[in-house]
Amino acid sequence: MENNNLSLWSLLEKEKLNGINFLDWFWNLRIVLKEERKEYVIEEPVPNEPAANAPRADKQKFKKHMDDMLDVSCLMLATMTSELQKQHEDMGAYEIIQNLKAIYEGQARQERYEISKALFQCKMSEGSPVGAHVIKMMDYIQTLEKLGFPLKDELATDVILQSLSDSFKPLVLNFNMNEINKTLPQLLGMLQTAKSDLKKN
């Protein structure tokens, strides 16, 4: 890993994998690996070693995969508790992730159920701050993405709009009739502006 990426390392070192924080740790790991262009080693098994007479490009590709895998495996082990290090020290990066997913799959499923339930049952009460409500909904949506259950932008927008208080009904109707497309942060800004206009009127 490059020295200038130490701040990204600190994401993982701040909170080592301890058995109950797998989802947050895995999310941060993916951020670090994406920046390093090494995310592929936790998504793809190690390829077969090329034959002695294989093209030079194939050999270089294999060597790069092995070098990247070693870097990532060491990073992962360095950011685990000692108990988890012992369990995974003889595994490569892809095997470590597969093993951890198998261990914590039940935990993720239960958390996904709880978050989905909270998201779809959340209803903004009349007079509540729209910004706080939408940010709470966006947090639920981001957590679902961490759990491997991302909502498409259109569905996420629909869920947020349906959760608003009755005073937003005209805005929601206008939004749907005109098929307005907004990112979630843009939607938040639009709703805050609409709330200000409602107060003025």
Protein backbone atom coordinates (compact mmCIF):
# COMPACT_ATOMS: atom_id res chain seq x y z
CA MET A 1 0.00 0.00 0.00
CA GLU A 2 1.20 3.52 -0.78
CA ASN A 3 2.36 5.84 2.02
CA ASN A 4 -0.01 8.60 0.89
CA ASN A 5 -2.93 6.27 1.58
CA LEU A 6 -2.24 5.97 5.31
CA SER A 7 -5.33 8.04 6.05
CA LEU A 8 -7.40 5.35 4.32
CA TRP A 9 -5.65 2.68 6.35
CA SER A 10 -6.73 4.51 9.48
CA LEU A 11 -10.35 3.80 8.53
CA LEU A 12 -9.65 0.12 9.15
CA GLU A 13 -7.16 0.48 12.00
CA LYS A 14 -9.53 2.70 13.99
CA GLU A 15 -11.98 -0.13 14.48
CA LYS A 16 -10.50 -3.59 14.03
CA LEU A 17 -12.72 -6.46 12.97
CA ASN A 18 -13.91 -8.00 16.22
CA GLY A 19 -16.82 -10.24 15.27
CA ILE A 20 -19.69 -7.81 15.72
CA ASN A 21 -18.66 -5.05 13.32
CA PHE A 22 -18.08 -7.06 10.13
CA LEU A 23 -20.37 -4.95 7.94
CA ASP A 24 -18.71 -1.64 8.84
CA TRP A 25 -15.23 -3.17 8.57
CA PHE A 26 -16.04 -4.72 5.17
CA TRP A 27 -17.48 -1.41 3.89
CA ASN A 28 -14.28 0.43 4.90
CA LEU A 29 -12.10 -2.33 3.42
CA ARG A 30 -13.83 -1.93 0.07
CA ILE A 31 -13.23 1.85 0.16
CA VAL A 32 -9.50 1.32 0.75
CA LEU A 33 -9.19 -1.39 -1.91
CA LYS A 34 -11.16 0.59 -4.47
CA GLU A 35 -8.75 3.50 -4.08
CA GLU A 36 -5.81 1.08 -4.40
CA ARG A 37 -7.36 -0.62 -7.48
CA LYS A 38 -7.11 -3.95 -5.66
CA GLU A 39 -10.76 -4.70 -4.94
CA TYR A 40 -10.69 -7.52 -7.50
CA VAL A 41 -8.64 -9.79 -5.19
CA ILE A 42 -11.53 -10.15 -2.74
CA GLU A 43 -14.01 -10.71 -5.57
CA GLU A 44 -12.14 -13.25 -7.69
CA PRO A 45 -10.47 -16.52 -6.64
CA VAL A 46 -6.76 -16.86 -7.34
CA PRO A 47 -6.27 -17.91 -10.99
CA ASN A 48 -4.35 -21.03 -11.90
CA GLU A 49 -0.63 -20.47 -12.32
CA PRO A 50 0.30 -20.20 -16.02
CA ALA A 51 2.32 -23.00 -17.57
CA ALA A 52 6.06 -22.51 -18.02
CA ASN A 53 5.57 -21.88 -21.76
CA ALA A 54 2.65 -19.45 -21.27
CA PRO A 55 2.87 -15.92 -22.76
CA ARG A 56 4.81 -13.40 -20.70
CA ALA A 57 1.67 -11.21 -20.28
CA ASP A 58 -0.18 -14.11 -18.60
CA LYS A 59 2.71 -14.67 -16.20
CA GLN A 60 2.86 -10.96 -15.33
CA LYS A 61 -0.89 -10.85 -14.76
CA PHE A 62 -0.66 -13.85 -12.42
CA LYS A 63 2.27 -12.32 -10.53
CA LYS A 64 0.39 -9.04 -10.10
CA HIS A 65 -2.64 -10.91 -8.74
CA MET A 66 -0.45 -12.80 -6.24
CA ASP A 67 1.37 -9.61 -5.14
CA ASP A 68 -1.91 -7.70 -4.72
CA MET A 69 -3.43 -10.63 -2.86
CA LEU A 70 -0.51 -10.67 -0.43
CA ASP A 71 -0.84 -6.90 0.19
CA VAL A 72 -4.60 -7.17 0.80
CA SER A 73 -4.33 -10.30 2.96
CA CYS A 74 -1.76 -8.58 5.19
CA LEU A 75 -3.93 -5.46 5.44
CA MET A 76 -6.95 -7.55 6.39
CA LEU A 77 -5.07 -9.55 9.01
CA ALA A 78 -3.51 -6.37 10.47
CA THR A 79 -6.99 -4.93 11.01
CA MET A 80 -8.47 -7.93 12.85
CA THR A 81 -8.39 -8.99 16.46
CA SER A 82 -5.70 -11.55 17.29
CA GLU A 83 -8.31 -14.34 17.56
CA LEU A 84 -9.54 -13.71 14.02
CA GLN A 85 -5.95 -13.37 12.76
CA LYS A 86 -5.16 -16.88 14.01
CA GLN A 87 -8.22 -18.29 12.23
CA HIS A 88 -7.32 -16.69 8.89
CA GLU A 89 -3.51 -16.39 8.81
CA ASP A 90 -3.08 -19.23 6.28
CA MET A 91 -5.76 -17.97 3.87
CA GLY A 92 -5.61 -15.63 0.89
CA ALA A 93 -7.72 -12.47 0.65
CA TYR A 94 -10.56 -14.08 -1.35
CA GLU A 95 -10.77 -17.07 1.03
CA ILE A 96 -10.77 -14.78 4.08
CA ILE A 97 -13.73 -12.78 2.76
CA GLN A 98 -15.67 -15.91 1.79
CA ASN A 99 -15.10 -17.36 5.25
CA LEU A 100 -16.11 -14.15 7.04
CA LYS A 101 -19.24 -13.82 4.92
CA ALA A 102 -20.24 -17.38 5.82
CA ILE A 103 -19.70 -16.66 9.53
CA TYR A 104 -21.58 -13.35 9.59
CA GLU A 105 -24.28 -14.01 6.99
CA GLY A 106 -26.93 -14.62 9.66
CA GLN A 107 -26.00 -11.39 11.44
CA ALA A 108 -26.30 -9.46 8.18
CA ARG A 109 -29.67 -11.04 7.34
CA GLN A 110 -31.15 -10.09 10.72
CA GLU A 111 -29.81 -6.56 10.49
CA ARG A 112 -31.14 -6.23 6.93
CA TYR A 113 -34.59 -7.30 8.12
CA GLU A 114 -34.59 -4.75 10.97
CA ILE A 115 -33.41 -1.89 8.75
CA SER A 116 -35.89 -2.73 5.96
CA LYS A 117 -38.72 -2.84 8.47
CA ALA A 118 -37.70 0.53 9.97
CA LEU A 119 -37.30 2.10 6.52
CA PHE A 120 -40.67 1.04 5.14
CA GLN A 121 -42.55 1.83 8.37
CA CYS A 122 -40.96 5.24 8.94
CA LYS A 123 -43.52 8.04 8.64
CA MET A 124 -42.78 11.73 9.11
CA SER A 125 -45.07 13.36 11.67
CA GLU A 126 -46.66 16.70 10.80
CA GLY A 127 -44.43 19.62 11.79
CA SER A 128 -41.24 17.53 12.07
CA PRO A 129 -38.08 18.91 10.41
CA VAL A 130 -38.03 17.50 6.89
CA GLY A 131 -34.20 17.57 6.72
CA ALA A 132 -33.75 15.34 9.79
CA HIS A 133 -36.40 12.93 8.52
CA VAL A 134 -34.88 12.56 5.03
CA ILE A 135 -31.35 12.17 6.42
CA LYS A 136 -32.61 9.39 8.70
CA MET A 137 -34.19 7.67 5.68
CA MET A 138 -30.97 8.09 3.68
CA ASP A 139 -29.02 6.48 6.55
CA TYR A 140 -31.35 3.46 6.41
CA ILE A 141 -30.87 3.24 2.64
CA GLN A 142 -27.07 3.46 2.94
CA THR A 143 -27.07 0.77 5.64
CA LEU A 144 -29.05 -1.55 3.37
CA GLU A 145 -26.44 -0.97 0.68
CA LYS A 146 -23.69 -1.93 3.16
CA LEU A 147 -25.65 -5.10 3.87
CA GLY A 148 -25.57 -6.00 0.17
CA PHE A 149 -29.15 -4.92 -0.53
CA PRO A 150 -28.93 -1.62 -2.45
CA LEU A 151 -32.15 0.16 -3.39
CA LYS A 152 -32.36 1.58 -6.89
CA ASP A 153 -32.55 5.39 -6.94
CA GLU A 154 -36.16 5.41 -8.12
CA LEU A 155 -37.31 3.07 -5.35
CA ALA A 156 -35.33 4.97 -2.70
CA THR A 157 -36.94 8.23 -3.88
CA ASP A 158 -40.42 6.67 -3.83
CA VAL A 159 -39.93 5.33 -0.30
CA ILE A 160 -38.82 8.75 0.96
CA LEU A 161 -41.69 10.58 -0.77
CA GLN A 162 -44.26 8.13 0.61
CA SER A 163 -42.92 8.64 4.12
CA LEU A 164 -43.53 12.39 4.11
CA SER A 165 -46.32 14.04 6.08
CA ASP A 166 -49.63 14.94 4.42
CA SER A 167 -48.60 18.58 3.94
CA PHE A 168 -46.22 17.38 1.19
CA LYS A 169 -48.95 15.62 -0.83
CA PRO A 170 -49.19 18.36 -3.52
CA LEU A 171 -45.41 18.32 -3.98
CA VAL A 172 -45.33 14.50 -4.20
CA LEU A 173 -48.14 14.55 -6.78
CA ASN A 174 -46.29 17.17 -8.85
CA PHE A 175 -43.03 15.21 -8.53
CA ASN A 176 -44.65 12.01 -9.84
CA MET A 177 -46.70 13.67 -12.60
CA ASN A 178 -43.66 15.46 -14.01
CA GLU A 179 -41.38 12.41 -13.58
CA ILE A 180 -38.70 14.52 -11.93
CA ASN A 181 -35.35 12.76 -11.51
CA LYS A 182 -33.24 13.75 -8.51
CA THR A 183 -30.40 12.18 -6.56
CA LEU A 184 -31.19 11.72 -2.87
CA PRO A 185 -29.13 14.78 -1.81
CA GLN A 186 -30.92 16.84 -4.49
CA LEU A 187 -34.26 15.52 -3.25
CA LEU A 188 -33.32 16.57 0.28
CA GLY A 189 -32.53 20.11 -0.92
CA MET A 190 -35.77 20.30 -2.89
CA LEU A 191 -37.85 19.18 0.10
CA GLN A 192 -36.18 21.66 2.43
CA THR A 193 -36.92 24.47 -0.04
CA ALA A 194 -40.52 23.25 -0.35
CA LYS A 195 -40.88 23.21 3.44
CA SER A 196 -39.68 26.83 3.61
CA ASP A 197 -42.20 27.81 0.91
CA LEU A 198 -45.00 26.04 2.80
CA LYS A 199 -44.14 28.01 5.94
CA LYS A 200 -44.18 31.32 4.03
CA ASN A 201 -47.57 30.53 2.54
